Amino acid sequence: MKYNVKVTNKNILDGEKANPQNCAIAKALKNKFKNRLKDISVLPSHIAISFKDSTELFASMPKEGVEFIKRFDRGLAVNRIKLQLNFKKQYSLV
């Protein structure tokens, strides 16, 4: 499942540095999926999302997203960004 996600200036201003649940990219994803999300974690390596209907998705972070996160978490200036994320269903072995 491919999704285009736009990280806006508002997401950047509202986002929290080094907070995988409330960083600028997490804020953008929360806006995209509205009230359907149960949990989200945005890391430089990947994004994991859990929906209220128990669906879990996983996407590797594209290179431009990794650079954005590094700059954002260091408190450096970042610009709006559009990410193309390729989500796959995540399966648990438990």
C-alpha atoms as a PDB file:
ATOM      1  CA  MET A   1       0.000   0.000   0.000  1.00  0.00           C
ATOM      2  CA  LYS A   2       1.610   3.196  -1.163  1.00  0.00           C
ATOM      3  CA  TYR A   3       0.768   6.464   0.524  1.00  0.00           C
ATOM      4  CA  ASN A   4       1.987   9.967  -0.211  1.00  0.00           C
ATOM      5  CA  VAL A   5       2.384  11.928   3.008  1.00  0.00           C
ATOM      6  CA  LYS A   6       2.897  15.689   3.074  1.00  0.00           C
ATOM      7  CA  VAL A   7       4.719  17.056   6.110  1.00  0.00           C
ATOM      8  CA  THR A   8       3.500  20.654   6.365  1.00  0.00           C
ATOM      9  CA  ASN A   9       4.920  23.693   8.119  1.00  0.00           C
ATOM     10  CA  LYS A  10       2.237  23.202  10.810  1.00  0.00           C
ATOM     11  CA  ASN A  11       3.414  19.590  11.358  1.00  0.00           C
ATOM     12  CA  ILE A  12       6.970  20.886  11.725  1.00  0.00           C
ATOM     13  CA  LEU A  13       5.975  23.604  14.201  1.00  0.00           C
ATOM     14  CA  ASP A  14       3.738  21.243  16.227  1.00  0.00           C
ATOM     15  CA  GLY A  15       6.116  18.263  16.092  1.00  0.00           C
ATOM     16  CA  GLU A  16       8.291  17.256  19.030  1.00  0.00           C
ATOM     17  CA  LYS A  17      11.991  16.501  18.573  1.00  0.00           C
ATOM     18  CA  ALA A  18      13.064  12.913  19.325  1.00  0.00           C
ATOM     19  CA  ASN A  19       9.468  11.808  19.972  1.00  0.00           C
ATOM     20  CA  PRO A  20       8.500   8.906  17.658  1.00  0.00           C
ATOM     21  CA  GLN A  21       4.790   9.344  18.446  1.00  0.00           C
ATOM     22  CA  ASN A  22       4.612  13.126  17.981  1.00  0.00           C
ATOM     23  CA  CYS A  23       7.370  14.173  15.597  1.00  0.00           C
ATOM     24  CA  ALA A  24       6.530  16.146  12.453  1.00  0.00           C
ATOM     25  CA  ILE A  25       6.157  13.004  10.306  1.00  0.00           C
ATOM     26  CA  ALA A  26       3.977  11.322  12.956  1.00  0.00           C
ATOM     27  CA  LYS A  27       1.785  14.448  13.059  1.00  0.00           C
ATOM     28  CA  ALA A  28       1.399  14.317   9.260  1.00  0.00           C
ATOM     29  CA  LEU A  29       0.424  10.631   9.374  1.00  0.00           C
ATOM     30  CA  LYS A  30      -2.051  11.280  12.195  1.00  0.00           C
ATOM     31  CA  ASN A  31      -3.662  13.971  10.028  1.00  0.00           C
ATOM     32  CA  LYS A  32      -3.804  11.614   7.043  1.00  0.00           C
ATOM     33  CA  PHE A  33      -5.413   8.734   8.924  1.00  0.00           C
ATOM     34  CA  LYS A  34      -7.510  10.937  11.260  1.00  0.00           C
ATOM     35  CA  ASN A  35      -9.119   9.024  14.136  1.00  0.00           C
ATOM     36  CA  ARG A  36      -8.333   5.535  12.780  1.00  0.00           C
ATOM     37  CA  LEU A  37      -4.890   5.245  14.418  1.00  0.00           C
ATOM     38  CA  LYS A  38      -4.305   3.409  17.658  1.00  0.00           C
ATOM     39  CA  ASP A  39      -0.509   3.793  17.829  1.00  0.00           C
ATOM     40  CA  ILE A  40       2.326   5.142  15.704  1.00  0.00           C
ATOM     41  CA  SER A  41       6.111   5.041  15.880  1.00  0.00           C
ATOM     42  CA  VAL A  42       8.300   6.975  13.457  1.00  0.00           C
ATOM     43  CA  LEU A  43      11.999   6.104  13.551  1.00  0.00           C
ATOM     44  CA  PRO A  44      14.830   6.879  11.125  1.00  0.00           C
ATOM     45  CA  SER A  45      14.773   3.240   9.999  1.00  0.00           C
ATOM     46  CA  HIS A  46      11.014   2.627   9.707  1.00  0.00           C
ATOM     47  CA  ILE A  47       7.435   3.574  10.542  1.00  0.00           C
ATOM     48  CA  ALA A  48       5.076   1.238  12.404  1.00  0.00           C
ATOM     49  CA  ILE A  49       1.354   1.984  12.592  1.00  0.00           C
ATOM     50  CA  SER A  50      -1.435   0.191  14.464  1.00  0.00           C
ATOM     51  CA  PHE A  51      -5.027   0.926  13.578  1.00  0.00           C
ATOM     52  CA  LYS A  52      -8.041   0.630  15.851  1.00  0.00           C
ATOM     53  CA  ASP A  53      -9.287  -2.299  13.721  1.00  0.00           C
ATOM     54  CA  SER A  54      -6.083  -4.217  14.699  1.00  0.00           C
ATOM     55  CA  THR A  55      -4.426  -3.778  11.301  1.00  0.00           C
ATOM     56  CA  GLU A  56      -0.697  -3.171  11.636  1.00  0.00           C
ATOM     57  CA  LEU A  57       1.428  -1.630   8.885  1.00  0.00           C
ATOM     58  CA  PHE A  58       5.182  -1.245   8.510  1.00  0.00           C
ATOM     59  CA  ALA A  59       7.205   0.889   6.067  1.00  0.00           C
ATOM     60  CA  SER A  60      10.923   1.421   5.631  1.00  0.00           C
ATOM     61  CA  MET A  61      11.882   5.083   5.881  1.00  0.00           C
ATOM     62  CA  PRO A  62      13.011   6.548   2.551  1.00  0.00           C
ATOM     63  CA  LYS A  63      16.383   8.318   2.432  1.00  0.00           C
ATOM     64  CA  GLU A  64      14.858  11.819   2.368  1.00  0.00           C
ATOM     65  CA  GLY A  65      12.816  10.941   5.474  1.00  0.00           C
ATOM     66  CA  VAL A  66      15.941   9.770   7.315  1.00  0.00           C
ATOM     67  CA  GLU A  67      17.682  13.081   6.552  1.00  0.00           C
ATOM     68  CA  PHE A  68      14.575  15.036   7.612  1.00  0.00           C
ATOM     69  CA  ILE A  69      14.398  13.208  10.961  1.00  0.00           C
ATOM     70  CA  LYS A  70      18.123  13.696  11.664  1.00  0.00           C
ATOM     71  CA  ARG A  71      17.867  17.445  11.051  1.00  0.00           C
ATOM     72  CA  PHE A  72      14.538  17.811  12.884  1.00  0.00           C
ATOM     73  CA  ASP A  73      15.746  15.931  15.967  1.00  0.00           C
ATOM     74  CA  ARG A  74      18.893  18.080  16.142  1.00  0.00           C
ATOM     75  CA  GLY A  75      16.783  21.242  16.069  1.00  0.00           C
ATOM     76  CA  LEU A  76      18.074  22.264  12.643  1.00  0.00           C
ATOM     77  CA  ALA A  77      15.923  24.011  10.048  1.00  0.00           C
ATOM     78  CA  VAL A  78      13.803  21.685   7.894  1.00  0.00           C
ATOM     79  CA  ASN A  79      11.453  22.370   5.013  1.00  0.00           C
ATOM     80  CA  ARG A  80       8.134  20.811   4.114  1.00  0.00           C
ATOM     81  CA  ILE A  81       8.566  17.393   2.585  1.00  0.00           C
ATOM     82  CA  LYS A  82       6.499  14.886   0.651  1.00  0.00           C
ATOM     83  CA  LEU A  83       7.262  11.232   1.352  1.00  0.00           C
ATOM     84  CA  GLN A  84       6.122   8.217  -0.628  1.00  0.00           C
ATOM     85  CA  LEU A  85       5.746   5.399   1.881  1.00  0.00           C
ATOM     86  CA  ASN A  86       5.310   1.773   0.854  1.00  0.00           C
ATOM     87  CA  PHE A  87       3.456   0.111   3.729  1.00  0.00           C
ATOM     88  CA  LYS A  88       3.200  -3.640   4.190  1.00  0.00           C
ATOM     89  CA  LYS A  89       1.135  -5.580   6.666  1.00  0.00           C
ATOM     90  CA  GLN A  90       3.099  -6.441   9.766  1.00  0.00           C
ATOM     91  CA  TYR A  91       2.668  -9.889  11.225  1.00  0.00           C
ATOM     92  CA  SER A  92       3.429 -10.941  14.755  1.00  0.00           C
ATOM     93  CA  LEU A  93       4.887 -14.328  15.578  1.00  0.00           C
ATOM     94  CA  VAL A  94       3.558 -14.212  19.152  1.00  0.00           C
END
